[in-house]
Amino acid sequence: MKTQNERLLDYLDEHGRITQREAMEELGIMRLAARIADLRAMGHAITRRTVKVTNRYGEKCHIAEYRMVSDER
């Protein structure tokens, strides 16, 4: 069985980006920022940007989106 960090790295390799909601729904990770901090401490270059989304009530919200830094993207 893979660790949360391993699952997160695989997801970033495949999809290129992740949000907290995706982390919870797809990977079962409740504390994405903590796992991102773990990966950064291991030397992985990961950026964070704020994106605007609409919630279920039609309100505009801002959420964090994390991306793996690579030469190809």
PDB file of N, CA and C in Angstrom:
ATOM      1  N   MET A   1       0.836  -1.179   0.000  1.00  0.00           N
ATOM      2  CA  MET A   1       0.000   0.000   0.000  1.00  0.00           C
ATOM      3  C   MET A   1       0.886   1.250   0.000  1.00  0.00           C
ATOM      4  N   LYS A   2       0.525   2.212  -0.837  1.00  0.00           N
ATOM      5  CA  LYS A   2       1.306   3.440  -0.950  1.00  0.00           C
ATOM      6  C   LYS A   2       0.953   4.417   0.176  1.00  0.00           C
ATOM      7  N   THR A   3       1.926   5.259   0.509  1.00  0.00           N
ATOM      8  CA  THR A   3       1.690   6.317   1.487  1.00  0.00           C
ATOM      9  C   THR A   3       0.924   7.464   0.818  1.00  0.00           C
ATOM     10  N   GLN A   4       0.408   8.380   1.632  1.00  0.00           N
ATOM     11  CA  GLN A   4      -0.265   9.551   1.075  1.00  0.00           C
ATOM     12  C   GLN A   4       0.678  10.359   0.201  1.00  0.00           C
ATOM     13  N   ASN A   5       1.919  10.500   0.628  1.00  0.00           N
ATOM     14  CA  ASN A   5       2.886  11.260  -0.173  1.00  0.00           C
ATOM     15  C   ASN A   5       3.132  10.593  -1.521  1.00  0.00           C
ATOM     16  N   GLU A   6       3.227   9.281  -1.529  1.00  0.00           N
ATOM     17  CA  GLU A   6       3.425   8.558  -2.793  1.00  0.00           C
ATOM     18  C   GLU A   6       2.211   8.703  -3.706  1.00  0.00           C
ATOM     19  N   ARG A   7       1.017   8.588  -3.134  1.00  0.00           N
ATOM     20  CA  ARG A   7      -0.207   8.765  -3.936  1.00  0.00           C
ATOM     21  C   ARG A   7      -0.288  10.182  -4.498  1.00  0.00           C
ATOM     22  N   LEU A   8       0.094  11.157  -3.689  1.00  0.00           N
ATOM     23  CA  LEU A   8       0.066  12.551  -4.132  1.00  0.00           C
ATOM     24  C   LEU A   8       1.060  12.790  -5.270  1.00  0.00           C
ATOM     25  N   LEU A   9       2.262  12.268  -5.139  1.00  0.00           N
ATOM     26  CA  LEU A   9       3.252  12.405  -6.217  1.00  0.00           C
ATOM     27  C   LEU A   9       2.758  11.773  -7.512  1.00  0.00           C
ATOM     28  N   ASP A  10       2.179  10.589  -7.416  1.00  0.00           N
ATOM     29  CA  ASP A  10       1.632   9.920  -8.606  1.00  0.00           C
ATOM     30  C   ASP A  10       0.535  10.766  -9.245  1.00  0.00           C
ATOM     31  N   TYR A  11      -0.338  11.327  -8.424  1.00  0.00           N
ATOM     32  CA  TYR A  11      -1.440  12.140  -8.926  1.00  0.00           C
ATOM     33  C   TYR A  11      -0.900  13.387  -9.642  1.00  0.00           C
ATOM     34  N   LEU A  12       0.068  14.047  -9.030  1.00  0.00           N
ATOM     35  CA  LEU A  12       0.660  15.232  -9.651  1.00  0.00           C
ATOM     36  C   LEU A  12       1.361  14.885 -10.957  1.00  0.00           C
ATOM     37  N   ASP A  13       2.031  13.743 -11.009  1.00  0.00           N
ATOM     38  CA  ASP A  13       2.674  13.306 -12.252  1.00  0.00           C
ATOM     39  C   ASP A  13       1.646  13.087 -13.358  1.00  0.00           C
ATOM     40  N   GLU A  14       0.514  12.517 -12.993  1.00  0.00           N
ATOM     41  CA  GLU A  14      -0.522  12.202 -13.988  1.00  0.00           C
ATOM     42  C   GLU A  14      -1.367  13.411 -14.374  1.00  0.00           C
ATOM     43  N   HIS A  15      -1.754  14.229 -13.396  1.00  0.00           N
ATOM     44  CA  HIS A  15      -2.698  15.321 -13.646  1.00  0.00           C
ATOM     45  C   HIS A  15      -2.059  16.707 -13.670  1.00  0.00           C
ATOM     46  N   GLY A  16      -0.882  16.850 -13.098  1.00  0.00           N
ATOM     47  CA  GLY A  16      -0.178  18.123 -13.132  1.00  0.00           C
ATOM     48  C   GLY A  16      -0.585  19.135 -12.081  1.00  0.00           C
ATOM     49  N   ARG A  17      -1.746  18.954 -11.450  1.00  0.00           N
ATOM     50  CA  ARG A  17      -2.237  19.912 -10.473  1.00  0.00           C
ATOM     51  C   ARG A  17      -3.205  19.219  -9.541  1.00  0.00           C
ATOM     52  N   ILE A  18      -3.450  19.847  -8.366  1.00  0.00           N
ATOM     53  CA  ILE A  18      -4.396  19.284  -7.412  1.00  0.00           C
ATOM     54  C   ILE A  18      -4.930  20.379  -6.496  1.00  0.00           C
ATOM     55  N   THR A  19      -6.175  20.216  -6.071  1.00  0.00           N
ATOM     56  CA  THR A  19      -6.797  21.091  -5.079  1.00  0.00           C
ATOM     57  C   THR A  19      -7.145  20.244  -3.858  1.00  0.00           C
ATOM     58  N   GLN A  20      -7.527  20.906  -2.773  1.00  0.00           N
ATOM     59  CA  GLN A  20      -7.905  20.186  -1.556  1.00  0.00           C
ATOM     60  C   GLN A  20      -9.075  19.238  -1.806  1.00  0.00           C
ATOM     61  N   ARG A  21     -10.050  19.701  -2.549  1.00  0.00           N
ATOM     62  CA  ARG A  21     -11.217  18.853  -2.826  1.00  0.00           C
ATOM     63  C   ARG A  21     -10.809  17.595  -3.583  1.00  0.00           C
ATOM     64  N   GLU A  22      -9.976  17.739  -4.599  1.00  0.00           N
ATOM     65  CA  GLU A  22      -9.499  16.578  -5.347  1.00  0.00           C
ATOM     66  C   GLU A  22      -8.699  15.646  -4.445  1.00  0.00           C
ATOM     67  N   ALA A  23      -7.884  16.219  -3.572  1.00  0.00           N
ATOM     68  CA  ALA A  23      -7.081  15.406  -2.660  1.00  0.00           C
ATOM     69  C   ALA A  23      -7.976  14.564  -1.747  1.00  0.00           C
ATOM     70  N   MET A  24      -9.056  15.166  -1.251  1.00  0.00           N
ATOM     71  CA  MET A  24      -9.977  14.424  -0.376  1.00  0.00           C
ATOM     72  C   MET A  24     -10.729  13.354  -1.159  1.00  0.00           C
ATOM     73  N   GLU A  25     -11.295  13.739  -2.308  1.00  0.00           N
ATOM     74  CA  GLU A  25     -12.138  12.821  -3.064  1.00  0.00           C
ATOM     75  C   GLU A  25     -11.351  11.714  -3.758  1.00  0.00           C
ATOM     76  N   GLU A  26     -10.226  12.060  -4.349  1.00  0.00           N
ATOM     77  CA  GLU A  26      -9.468  11.099  -5.157  1.00  0.00           C
ATOM     78  C   GLU A  26      -8.442  10.306  -4.361  1.00  0.00           C
ATOM     79  N   LEU A  27      -7.849  10.933  -3.331  1.00  0.00           N
ATOM     80  CA  LEU A  27      -6.719  10.306  -2.643  1.00  0.00           C
ATOM     81  C   LEU A  27      -6.952  10.045  -1.160  1.00  0.00           C
ATOM     82  N   GLY A  28      -8.049  10.544  -0.615  1.00  0.00           N
ATOM     83  CA  GLY A  28      -8.302  10.370   0.807  1.00  0.00           C
ATOM     84  C   GLY A  28      -7.371  11.174   1.690  1.00  0.00           C
ATOM     85  N   ILE A  29      -6.836  12.266   1.161  1.00  0.00           N
ATOM     86  CA  ILE A  29      -5.914  13.127   1.911  1.00  0.00           C
ATOM     87  C   ILE A  29      -6.698  14.309   2.463  1.00  0.00           C
ATOM     88  N   MET A  30      -6.748  14.412   3.781  1.00  0.00           N
ATOM     89  CA  MET A  30      -7.505  15.482   4.429  1.00  0.00           C
ATOM     90  C   MET A  30      -6.666  16.747   4.658  1.00  0.00           C
ATOM     91  N   ARG A  31      -5.357  16.601   4.788  1.00  0.00           N
ATOM     92  CA  ARG A  31      -4.485  17.747   5.064  1.00  0.00           C
ATOM     93  C   ARG A  31      -3.477  17.904   3.922  1.00  0.00           C
ATOM     94  N   LEU A  32      -3.972  18.375   2.778  1.00  0.00           N
ATOM     95  CA  LEU A  32      -3.138  18.497   1.584  1.00  0.00           C
ATOM     96  C   LEU A  32      -1.929  19.404   1.828  1.00  0.00           C
ATOM     97  N   ALA A  33      -2.119  20.544   2.480  1.00  0.00           N
ATOM     98  CA  ALA A  33      -0.999  21.469   2.702  1.00  0.00           C
ATOM     99  C   ALA A  33       0.126  20.807   3.490  1.00  0.00           C
ATOM    100  N   ALA A  34      -0.221  19.931   4.426  1.00  0.00           N
ATOM    101  CA  ALA A  34       0.807  19.219   5.196  1.00  0.00           C
ATOM    102  C   ALA A  34       1.570  18.242   4.311  1.00  0.00           C
ATOM    103  N   ARG A  35       0.860  17.560   3.429  1.00  0.00           N
ATOM    104  CA  ARG A  35       1.532  16.618   2.526  1.00  0.00           C
ATOM    105  C   ARG A  35       2.410  17.384   1.520  1.00  0.00           C
ATOM    106  N   ILE A  36       1.947  18.542   1.067  1.00  0.00           N
ATOM    107  CA  ILE A  36       2.757  19.380   0.171  1.00  0.00           C
ATOM    108  C   ILE A  36       4.033  19.808   0.895  1.00  0.00           C
ATOM    109  N   ALA A  37       3.920  20.188   2.164  1.00  0.00           N
ATOM    110  CA  ALA A  37       5.097  20.567   2.954  1.00  0.00           C
ATOM    111  C   ALA A  37       6.066  19.392   3.065  1.00  0.00           C
ATOM    112  N   ASP A  38       5.542  18.181   3.263  1.00  0.00           N
ATOM    113  CA  ASP A  38       6.401  16.986   3.299  1.00  0.00           C
ATOM    114  C   ASP A  38       7.179  16.840   1.986  1.00  0.00           C
ATOM    115  N   LEU A  39       6.464  16.965   0.876  1.00  0.00           N
ATOM    116  CA  LEU A  39       7.107  16.786  -0.431  1.00  0.00           C
ATOM    117  C   LEU A  39       8.146  17.872  -0.695  1.00  0.00           C
ATOM    118  N   ARG A  40       7.833  19.092  -0.308  1.00  0.00           N
ATOM    119  CA  ARG A  40       8.812  20.180  -0.466  1.00  0.00           C
ATOM    120  C   ARG A  40      10.049  19.910   0.380  1.00  0.00           C
ATOM    121  N   ALA A  41       9.859  19.396   1.585  1.00  0.00           N
ATOM    122  CA  ALA A  41      10.991  19.072   2.463  1.00  0.00           C
ATOM    123  C   ALA A  41      11.860  17.974   1.861  1.00  0.00           C
ATOM    124  N   MET A  42      11.263  17.124   1.036  1.00  0.00           N
ATOM    125  CA  MET A  42      12.006  16.058   0.350  1.00  0.00           C
ATOM    126  C   MET A  42      12.706  16.576  -0.909  1.00  0.00           C
ATOM    127  N   GLY A  43      12.475  17.859  -1.243  1.00  0.00           N
ATOM    128  CA  GLY A  43      13.160  18.448  -2.384  1.00  0.00           C
ATOM    129  C   GLY A  43      12.324  18.624  -3.631  1.00  0.00           C
ATOM    130  N   HIS A  44      11.048  18.291  -3.589  1.00  0.00           N
ATOM    131  CA  HIS A  44      10.183  18.457  -4.756  1.00  0.00           C
ATOM    132  C   HIS A  44       9.774  19.920  -4.884  1.00  0.00           C
ATOM    133  N   ALA A  45       9.840  20.434  -6.101  1.00  0.00           N
ATOM    134  CA  ALA A  45       9.459  21.821  -6.361  1.00  0.00           C
ATOM    135  C   ALA A  45       7.970  21.863  -6.702  1.00  0.00           C
ATOM    136  N   ILE A  46       7.199  22.444  -5.796  1.00  0.00           N
ATOM    137  CA  ILE A  46       5.747  22.520  -5.974  1.00  0.00           C
ATOM    138  C   ILE A  46       5.320  23.964  -5.737  1.00  0.00           C
ATOM    139  N   THR A  47       4.543  24.499  -6.674  1.00  0.00           N
ATOM    140  CA  THR A  47       4.058  25.864  -6.550  1.00  0.00           C
ATOM    141  C   THR A  47       2.614  25.863  -6.084  1.00  0.00           C
ATOM    142  N   ARG A  48       2.200  26.997  -5.537  1.00  0.00           N
ATOM    143  CA  ARG A  48       0.816  27.193  -5.096  1.00  0.00           C
ATOM    144  C   ARG A  48       0.304  28.463  -5.734  1.00  0.00           C
ATOM    145  N   ARG A  49      -0.909  28.393  -6.253  1.00  0.00           N
ATOM    146  CA  ARG A  49      -1.549  29.601  -6.759  1.00  0.00           C
ATOM    147  C   ARG A  49      -2.997  29.598  -6.299  1.00  0.00           C
ATOM    148  N   THR A  50      -3.570  30.772  -6.237  1.00  0.00           N
ATOM    149  CA  THR A  50      -4.958  30.913  -5.838  1.00  0.00           C
ATOM    150  C   THR A  50      -5.813  31.000  -7.093  1.00  0.00           C
ATOM    151  N   VAL A  51      -6.866  30.177  -7.143  1.00  0.00           N
ATOM    152  CA  VAL A  51      -7.784  30.191  -8.283  1.00  0.00           C
ATOM    153  C   VAL A  51      -9.193  30.503  -7.782  1.00  0.00           C
ATOM    154  N   LYS A  52      -9.963  31.161  -8.641  1.00  0.00           N
ATOM    155  CA  LYS A  52     -11.334  31.526  -8.298  1.00  0.00           C
ATOM    156  C   LYS A  52     -12.267  30.423  -8.789  1.00  0.00           C
ATOM    157  N   VAL A  53     -13.158  29.981  -7.914  1.00  0.00           N
ATOM    158  CA  VAL A  53     -14.153  28.964  -8.258  1.00  0.00           C
ATOM    159  C   VAL A  53     -15.519  29.432  -7.759  1.00  0.00           C
ATOM    160  N   THR A  54     -16.551  28.750  -8.207  1.00  0.00           N
ATOM    161  CA  THR A  54     -17.901  29.014  -7.735  1.00  0.00           C
ATOM    162  C   THR A  54     -18.338  27.848  -6.865  1.00  0.00           C
ATOM    163  N   ASN A  55     -18.821  28.139  -5.667  1.00  0.00           N
ATOM    164  CA  ASN A  55     -19.249  27.065  -4.778  1.00  0.00           C
ATOM    165  C   ASN A  55     -20.677  26.629  -5.104  1.00  0.00           C
ATOM    166  N   ARG A  56     -21.195  25.681  -4.352  1.00  0.00           N
ATOM    167  CA  ARG A  56     -22.533  25.133  -4.627  1.00  0.00           C
ATOM    168  C   ARG A  56     -23.653  26.145  -4.459  1.00  0.00           C
ATOM    169  N   TYR A  57     -23.377  27.265  -3.811  1.00  0.00           N
ATOM    170  CA  TYR A  57     -24.379  28.302  -3.607  1.00  0.00           C
ATOM    171  C   TYR A  57     -24.262  29.428  -4.634  1.00  0.00           C
ATOM    172  N   GLY A  58     -23.377  29.252  -5.604  1.00  0.00           N
ATOM    173  CA  GLY A  58     -23.181  30.256  -6.637  1.00  0.00           C
ATOM    174  C   GLY A  58     -22.269  31.394  -6.231  1.00  0.00           C
ATOM    175  N   GLU A  59     -21.608  31.264  -5.087  1.00  0.00           N
ATOM    176  CA  GLU A  59     -20.718  32.312  -4.597  1.00  0.00           C
ATOM    177  C   GLU A  59     -19.308  32.101  -5.145  1.00  0.00           C
ATOM    178  N   LYS A  60     -18.627  33.199  -5.418  1.00  0.00           N
ATOM    179  CA  LYS A  60     -17.238  33.137  -5.857  1.00  0.00           C
ATOM    180  C   LYS A  60     -16.330  32.926  -4.653  1.00  0.00           C
ATOM    181  N   CYS A  61     -15.424  31.979  -4.753  1.00  0.00           N
ATOM    182  CA  CYS A  61     -14.485  31.651  -3.679  1.00  0.00           C
ATOM    183  C   CYS A  61     -13.089  31.520  -4.269  1.00  0.00           C
ATOM    184  N   HIS A  62     -12.097  31.596  -3.414  1.00  0.00           N
ATOM    185  CA  HIS A  62     -10.713  31.393  -3.828  1.00  0.00           C
ATOM    186  C   HIS A  62     -10.174  30.156  -3.118  1.00  0.00           C
ATOM    187  N   ILE A  63      -9.501  29.290  -3.877  1.00  0.00           N
ATOM    188  CA  ILE A  63      -8.914  28.079  -3.314  1.00  0.00           C
ATOM    189  C   ILE A  63      -7.474  27.941  -3.786  1.00  0.00           C
ATOM    190  N   ALA A  64      -6.713  27.127  -3.087  1.00  0.00           N
ATOM    191  CA  ALA A  64      -5.323  26.877  -3.470  1.00  0.00           C
ATOM    192  C   ALA A  64      -5.260  25.737  -4.469  1.00  0.00           C
ATOM    193  N   GLU A  65      -4.409  25.901  -5.456  1.00  0.00           N
ATOM    194  CA  GLU A  65      -4.129  24.849  -6.430  1.00  0.00           C
ATOM    195  C   GLU A  65      -2.616  24.647  -6.433  1.00  0.00           C
ATOM    196  N   TYR A  66      -2.191  23.413  -6.301  1.00  0.00           N
ATOM    197  CA  TYR A  66      -0.769  23.083  -6.253  1.00  0.00           C
ATOM    198  C   TYR A  66      -0.357  22.424  -7.558  1.00  0.00           C
ATOM    199  N   ARG A  67       0.848  22.780  -8.025  1.00  0.00           N
ATOM    200  CA  ARG A  67       1.396  22.220  -9.265  1.00  0.00           C
ATOM    201  C   ARG A  67       2.844  21.814  -9.044  1.00  0.00           C
ATOM    202  N   MET A  68       3.206  20.708  -9.659  1.00  0.00           N
ATOM    203  CA  MET A  68       4.587  20.255  -9.647  1.00  0.00           C
ATOM    204  C   MET A  68       5.350  21.073 -10.684  1.00  0.00           C
ATOM    205  N   VAL A  69       6.475  21.635 -10.304  1.00  0.00           N
ATOM    206  CA  VAL A  69       7.283  22.422 -11.228  1.00  0.00           C
ATOM    207  C   VAL A  69       8.126  21.450 -12.055  1.00  0.00           C
ATOM    208  N   SER A  70       8.034  21.606 -13.379  1.00  0.00           N
ATOM    209  CA  SER A  70       8.848  20.776 -14.259  1.00  0.00           C
ATOM    210  C   SER A  70       9.152  21.564 -15.531  1.00  0.00           C
ATOM    211  N   ASP A  71      10.125  21.098 -16.278  1.00  0.00           N
ATOM    212  CA  ASP A  71      10.499  21.775 -17.515  1.00  0.00           C
ATOM    213  C   ASP A  71       9.454  21.587 -18.592  1.00  0.00           C
ATOM    214  N   GLU A  72       8.654  20.525 -18.508  1.00  0.00           N
ATOM    215  CA  GLU A  72       7.720  20.178 -19.561  1.00  0.00           C
ATOM    216  C   GLU A  72       6.405  20.940 -19.466  1.00  0.00           C
ATOM    217  N   ARG A  73       6.067  21.513 -18.318  1.00  0.00           N
ATOM    218  CA  ARG A  73       4.758  22.155 -18.153  1.00  0.00           C
ATOM    219  C   ARG A  73       4.899  23.656 -18.127  1.00  0.00           C
TER     220      ARG A  73
END
